[in-house]
Structure formats: structure tokens, C-alpha cells
Amino acid sequence: MKRKGRKSRNQINDPILEPFFIQYDECNYSLCEKSNNDTIKTYGHYSSLPLVLLKICQLQTKKENCSLIKEYINSYNEISNKVINKFKYDTSNI
């Protein structure tokens, strides 16, 4: 019996997501980060793109080092709005 191989992985590199990038195939999305010494850290595997984007927002917010909950929430909202608005598009003509 011939084994089916995994299809090639694609990669999303967008400046709005930096320092993170997304690898995906027909099964899942993987959230990754390339470090200064060219090693790749994988944060997880997700079933949908929106889940990956939410995780990116969480990780970017943690890098802000907020000490108060209000600062954290404001930072998270600012980052998530930036990421979400970047990918909005007009579907009225479809």
C-alpha cells in the first residue's frame, strides 16, 4: 500500500504579524517565530486562521509588559484592532 505524503506547507509572512509568521497546510495552521540565531520556535498548531491571529494578539500584548489590567486590555484591543483591520475587506461585490 502506497503511503500518502503530507502536502507542502505554505507560509504567511506579513509585517503586521512580525516577529511571528504562519505556516499552513491542508490540516492546520502553525504559529512560529524566527529568533535572532535563525532558530524557529513553534507556539502551537491551530485548526483555523482566526485562532492563530488571536494567539498572535495575545503574544504581542504580553511583550508590552503591562502592569495594570487596564493597560493590558487597552494594549490587547489596540493590537487586535490593528491585526483584524489589516485583513478586513469589502465583500459586498461578491
Protein backbone atom coordinates (compact mmCIF):
# COMPACT_ATOMS: atom_id res chain seq x y z
CA MET A 1 0.00 0.00 0.00
CA LYS A 2 1.38 3.35 -1.01
CA ARG A 3 1.56 5.98 1.76
CA LYS A 4 0.22 9.41 1.08
CA GLY A 5 2.72 12.13 1.88
CA ARG A 6 1.90 15.37 3.57
CA LYS A 7 1.35 18.17 1.11
CA SER A 8 3.76 21.05 1.10
CA ARG A 9 3.44 23.76 3.70
CA ASN A 10 2.79 27.36 2.77
CA GLN A 11 3.91 30.35 4.77
CA ILE A 12 2.35 33.73 5.58
CA ASN A 13 4.88 36.50 6.29
CA ASP A 14 3.21 39.83 6.89
CA PRO A 15 4.83 42.85 8.57
CA ILE A 16 1.76 43.32 10.79
CA LEU A 17 2.39 39.86 12.32
CA GLU A 18 6.12 40.29 12.98
CA PRO A 19 8.04 38.75 14.62
CA PHE A 20 5.63 35.86 14.01
CA PHE A 21 4.71 34.00 10.84
CA ILE A 22 2.16 31.33 9.99
CA GLN A 23 2.79 28.03 8.26
CA TYR A 24 -0.23 26.14 6.95
CA ASP A 25 -1.25 23.08 5.00
CA GLU A 26 -4.49 21.22 4.36
CA CYS A 27 -4.71 20.12 8.03
CA ASN A 28 -3.78 23.06 10.25
CA TYR A 29 -2.08 26.38 10.88
CA SER A 30 1.17 26.59 12.86
CA LEU A 31 2.24 29.75 14.66
CA CYS A 32 6.00 30.25 14.54
CA GLU A 33 8.63 32.84 15.42
CA LYS A 34 12.12 33.13 13.98
CA SER A 35 14.70 34.16 16.56
CA ASN A 36 17.90 36.14 16.09
CA ASN A 37 20.00 32.98 15.78
CA ASP A 38 17.76 31.63 12.97
CA THR A 39 16.03 29.02 15.10
CA ILE A 40 12.28 28.66 14.72
CA LYS A 41 10.03 28.41 17.77
CA THR A 42 6.58 26.90 17.25
CA TYR A 43 3.88 28.19 19.61
CA GLY A 44 1.16 25.79 18.58
CA HIS A 45 -0.99 24.24 15.90
CA TYR A 46 -4.47 25.60 15.28
CA SER A 47 -7.49 24.47 13.29
CA SER A 48 -8.37 27.91 11.92
CA LEU A 49 -6.73 31.17 10.94
CA PRO A 50 -8.77 33.31 13.39
CA LEU A 51 -7.43 31.24 16.30
CA VAL A 52 -3.85 31.86 15.15
CA LEU A 53 -4.49 35.60 14.85
CA LEU A 54 -5.94 35.70 18.39
CA LYS A 55 -2.84 33.95 19.73
CA ILE A 56 -0.59 36.44 17.93
CA CYS A 57 -2.50 39.31 19.56
CA GLN A 58 -2.05 37.68 22.99
CA LEU A 59 1.69 37.18 22.47
CA GLN A 60 2.23 40.70 21.15
CA THR A 61 0.33 42.11 24.13
CA LYS A 62 2.50 40.14 26.57
CA LYS A 63 5.59 41.76 25.05
CA GLU A 64 4.20 45.16 26.09
CA ASN A 65 4.89 44.33 29.79
CA CYS A 66 1.69 45.93 31.10
CA SER A 67 1.45 46.07 34.88
CA LEU A 68 -2.21 47.06 35.21
CA ILE A 69 -5.22 45.20 33.83
CA LYS A 70 -6.48 48.40 32.18
CA GLU A 71 -3.14 48.80 30.36
CA TYR A 72 -3.23 45.16 29.28
CA ILE A 73 -6.79 45.41 27.95
CA ASN A 74 -6.06 48.67 26.13
CA SER A 75 -2.91 47.21 24.61
CA TYR A 76 -4.69 44.00 23.59
CA ASN A 77 -7.55 45.96 22.00
CA GLU A 78 -5.13 48.19 20.10
CA ILE A 79 -3.10 45.25 18.79
CA SER A 80 -6.12 43.10 17.91
CA ASN A 81 -7.82 46.00 16.10
CA LYS A 82 -4.65 46.62 14.12
CA VAL A 83 -4.39 42.96 13.11
CA ILE A 84 -8.11 42.48 12.40
CA ASN A 85 -8.49 45.76 10.45
CA LYS A 86 -5.48 44.85 8.31
CA PHE A 87 -7.36 41.83 6.98
CA LYS A 88 -10.85 43.27 6.54
CA TYR A 89 -12.09 43.59 3.00
CA ASP A 90 -15.27 44.58 1.22
CA THR A 91 -17.44 41.55 0.45
CA SER A 92 -20.42 43.46 -0.92
CA ASN A 93 -19.43 42.79 -4.55
CA ILE A 94 -19.00 39.05 -4.12
